[in-house]
């Protein structure tokens, strides 16, 4: 843990990490609390799912716009404006919930809420290469991945605890408080000045760069695989007569990712990123094929723990390489596009696996097999990743955030 203590002792790093915790716990809390709140208001899980889909779709479409604004304008100004708009959207949504408004009004309110979500995540990720460099950058992204994983486990647990003595609407309010606290704390961090306003920008932004497109393609494959795993795990638990065990299995998967990311972030980074990413994805594909043949929950849990332990280093390395590959003037937007591609991949993977489970009479086999195929495709695409100066050591002495467009 010495590497993490050294990282957190650097100026501004601890505040950046705490702001990431506060802002990121809001998303998983809101996903569950909004689902429960709409169902409580309208008495329909179908309507609740529609409202949640409206929120997710608007967020996925709007976050690259927010990322581009951060790159071109001052981050604090953009974050503050988005926060004000987002709090107003929360107020409208809560009013609609308390008034038992129609599903159309709730979908529209949720879409506005998603579209005005402050780009705290992309800002935090794009700030790591500015605050730290060298081996500490890998440690920072490992910490970022761990915090993200822990928040997605903790958020629903907090909502479940709140349901014991409060309404779902109260949990939505708590999600709003988390967003507010995280963004306000992020505003106190001395963020880097924008670079895009001093350079001619391509209208495609980071998507105009080949290596960024390759890395975002890998993101799609990864999240298609994850979405497939979520459905396959639910089918596996349901087939064993223990539907409630799906949450435990998902927690085991997350636990493996947290442990391995922490270990990976504390070790020295060696080797070329492309072959390493290919190796991790190939291992994930093999383990998912094994999962397809496992029907006992205990054995499934053990395999999924190993799947998670392979995923922790993979996701950390991927963020490091994306941060290195994206030109500085596009870096926040690149991480914003990563969020969009993640949402899209997850929706595609869960939808495809849902169809496969239904077609196979509730069996988890083909859903895991589809997830394995997506991971195998990611392994092939990973071979297109080229090393950057930061990865090869050529930029070890360069200031963090140095322009690396020449490698693209």
Foldseek 3Di string as FASTA:
>chain_A
DVLVVVLCPFPLLVLLLVLLLLQLLLVLLCLVLQLQLLCVLPVDSVLSVLLSVLLLVLLLVQLLVLLLCVQQAPLLVSQVVLLVQLVVLLVQLLVCSVVSHDSVSSSVSSSSNSNSQHLSPLQSLLQLLQRDAALSSLLSLLSSLLSNLVSNLVSVVVCVVCVVPHHSSVSNVSSSVSNVVSSVSVSVRPGDGHDQNVDDADPVFQVVDDLLVLLLLLLLLLLLLVLLVLLLLQLLCVVVVRNVCSSVLVVLLSVLLNVLSNVLSVDHADDFQLQLLLVLLLVLLVLLLVLLVDRDPVVNSVSSSVSSNSVNSNSSSSSSLLSQARFSSRSSSSVSNSSSSSSVSSVNNNVVSVVVCVVVVSHSNVSSNSSSVSSNVSSVSSNVNGGFCSNVVVCRVPRRNPGGNVVD
